[in-house]
Amino acid sequence: DRNRARRRCGRGQEGPDPGAWRRRCEEGSGGLSPFSREDVRKVIFWKRDLLTTDLICCQVTLADGRELVCHEEEVWWPDLMAELATLKGFDPDWFAKVSQPPFAECLTVAFQRST
């Protein structure tokens, strides 16, 4: 779970059009498919050490097992973060937990829905 997500988060991945983040799914899942907040089961954040800087990454796990893996440089990141912040029980302090110390992975579960 954690290692698979870390391998898929990196620069150079092109995201969908701004505002269309809901349709983004993991590669190999058959393309783009919509999802709603009710589908979100788990949200994990971590950092990748890129030598001179860190890249904050996010994995959103959906009820059907699909995963959205993205990073802070994607154009639709702010839209996704705003939507995730509306999840009941979402940790509003996730950024502080992930950002320090520098260059450490700091894996943080910001949301987990019991099934």
Protein backbone atom coordinates (compact mmCIF):
# COMPACT_ATOMS: atom_id res chain seq x y z
CA ASP A 1 0.00 0.00 0.00
CA ARG A 2 2.56 2.58 1.15
CA ASN A 3 5.37 1.47 -1.18
CA ARG A 4 3.05 1.24 -4.19
CA ALA A 5 1.85 4.80 -3.59
CA ARG A 6 5.36 6.15 -3.11
CA ARG A 7 6.48 4.70 -6.45
CA ARG A 8 3.61 6.41 -8.30
CA CYS A 9 4.09 9.89 -6.88
CA GLY A 10 6.55 11.97 -8.85
CA ARG A 11 7.05 15.02 -10.97
CA GLY A 12 6.24 14.97 -14.62
CA GLN A 13 2.81 13.40 -14.23
CA GLU A 14 0.23 15.48 -16.02
CA GLY A 15 -3.07 15.91 -14.20
CA PRO A 16 -6.49 16.49 -15.71
CA ASP A 17 -7.97 19.91 -16.42
CA PRO A 18 -8.31 22.17 -13.37
CA GLY A 19 -11.52 21.38 -11.50
CA ALA A 20 -11.76 17.90 -12.99
CA TRP A 21 -9.81 16.15 -10.23
CA ARG A 22 -12.82 13.99 -9.32
CA ARG A 23 -12.34 12.00 -12.52
CA ARG A 24 -8.70 11.09 -11.88
CA CYS A 25 -8.01 7.43 -11.13
CA GLU A 26 -4.89 5.34 -10.83
CA GLU A 27 -3.14 4.28 -14.03
CA GLY A 28 -4.41 1.00 -15.39
CA SER A 29 -7.87 1.36 -13.86
CA GLY A 30 -9.57 1.81 -17.21
CA GLY A 31 -9.40 5.57 -17.54
CA LEU A 32 -11.07 8.42 -15.78
CA SER A 33 -14.07 7.75 -13.55
CA PRO A 34 -15.99 10.04 -11.18
CA PHE A 35 -15.99 9.63 -7.40
CA SER A 36 -17.66 11.44 -4.56
CA ARG A 37 -16.70 12.30 -0.99
CA GLU A 38 -18.82 9.36 0.18
CA ASP A 39 -16.50 7.05 -1.79
CA VAL A 40 -13.38 8.22 0.10
CA ARG A 41 -12.17 5.62 2.60
CA LYS A 42 -8.66 6.81 3.44
CA VAL A 43 -6.39 9.81 2.80
CA ILE A 44 -2.62 9.53 3.32
CA PHE A 45 0.00 12.26 2.92
CA TRP A 46 3.81 11.93 2.80
CA LYS A 47 6.89 13.65 1.38
CA ARG A 48 9.40 12.54 -1.23
CA ASP A 49 12.98 13.72 -0.80
CA LEU A 50 14.07 15.29 -4.10
CA LEU A 51 17.55 16.23 -2.83
CA THR A 52 17.11 20.01 -2.75
CA THR A 53 13.39 20.10 -1.94
CA ASP A 54 10.52 17.93 -0.78
CA LEU A 55 7.45 16.97 -2.79
CA ILE A 56 4.24 16.48 -0.79
CA CYS A 57 2.17 13.57 -2.07
CA CYS A 58 -1.33 12.31 -1.36
CA GLN A 59 -3.10 8.99 -1.82
CA VAL A 60 -6.90 8.86 -1.69
CA THR A 61 -8.30 5.32 -1.40
CA LEU A 62 -11.86 4.83 -2.63
CA ALA A 63 -14.53 2.36 -1.52
CA ASP A 64 -14.08 0.23 -4.66
CA GLY A 65 -10.31 -0.07 -4.09
CA ARG A 66 -9.23 2.51 -6.66
CA GLU A 67 -6.54 4.95 -5.57
CA LEU A 68 -5.85 8.54 -6.54
CA VAL A 69 -2.16 9.35 -6.12
CA CYS A 70 -1.12 12.93 -6.74
CA HIS A 71 1.34 15.58 -5.62
CA GLU A 72 1.33 19.26 -4.74
CA GLU A 73 2.56 20.44 -8.15
CA GLU A 74 -0.50 19.21 -10.03
CA VAL A 75 -2.74 22.06 -11.20
CA TRP A 76 -5.82 20.59 -9.51
CA TRP A 77 -4.14 20.04 -6.08
CA PRO A 78 -5.85 23.09 -4.46
CA ASP A 79 -9.29 21.86 -5.61
CA LEU A 80 -8.62 18.39 -4.23
CA MET A 81 -7.32 19.73 -0.90
CA ALA A 82 -10.36 22.00 -0.50
CA GLU A 83 -12.71 19.08 -1.13
CA LEU A 84 -10.86 16.69 1.19
CA ALA A 85 -10.95 19.30 3.97
CA THR A 86 -14.77 18.98 3.99
CA LEU A 87 -14.62 15.30 5.00
CA LYS A 88 -15.95 14.84 8.52
CA GLY A 89 -12.99 13.76 10.65
CA PHE A 90 -10.32 15.01 8.21
CA ASP A 91 -7.21 16.12 10.12
CA PRO A 92 -6.81 19.88 9.52
CA ASP A 93 -3.23 19.69 10.88
CA TRP A 94 -2.01 17.20 8.28
CA PHE A 95 0.34 19.73 6.65
CA ALA A 96 2.18 20.51 9.89
CA LYS A 97 2.63 16.77 10.50
CA VAL A 98 3.95 16.08 6.99
CA SER A 99 6.10 19.17 6.46
CA GLN A 100 8.48 18.69 9.43
CA PRO A 101 11.16 17.56 9.67
CA PRO A 102 12.45 18.35 6.16
CA PHE A 103 13.48 15.47 3.89
CA ALA A 104 11.77 12.84 6.08
CA GLU A 105 8.84 10.87 4.66
CA CYS A 106 6.45 11.76 7.55
CA LEU A 107 3.66 9.40 6.44
CA THR A 108 0.41 10.76 7.90
CA VAL A 109 -3.12 9.34 7.77
CA ALA A 110 -5.35 12.42 7.58
CA PHE A 111 -8.64 10.58 7.18
CA GLN A 112 -9.90 7.04 7.58
CA ARG A 113 -13.54 6.01 7.36
CA SER A 114 -14.56 2.92 9.29
CA THR A 115 -16.35 0.37 7.16
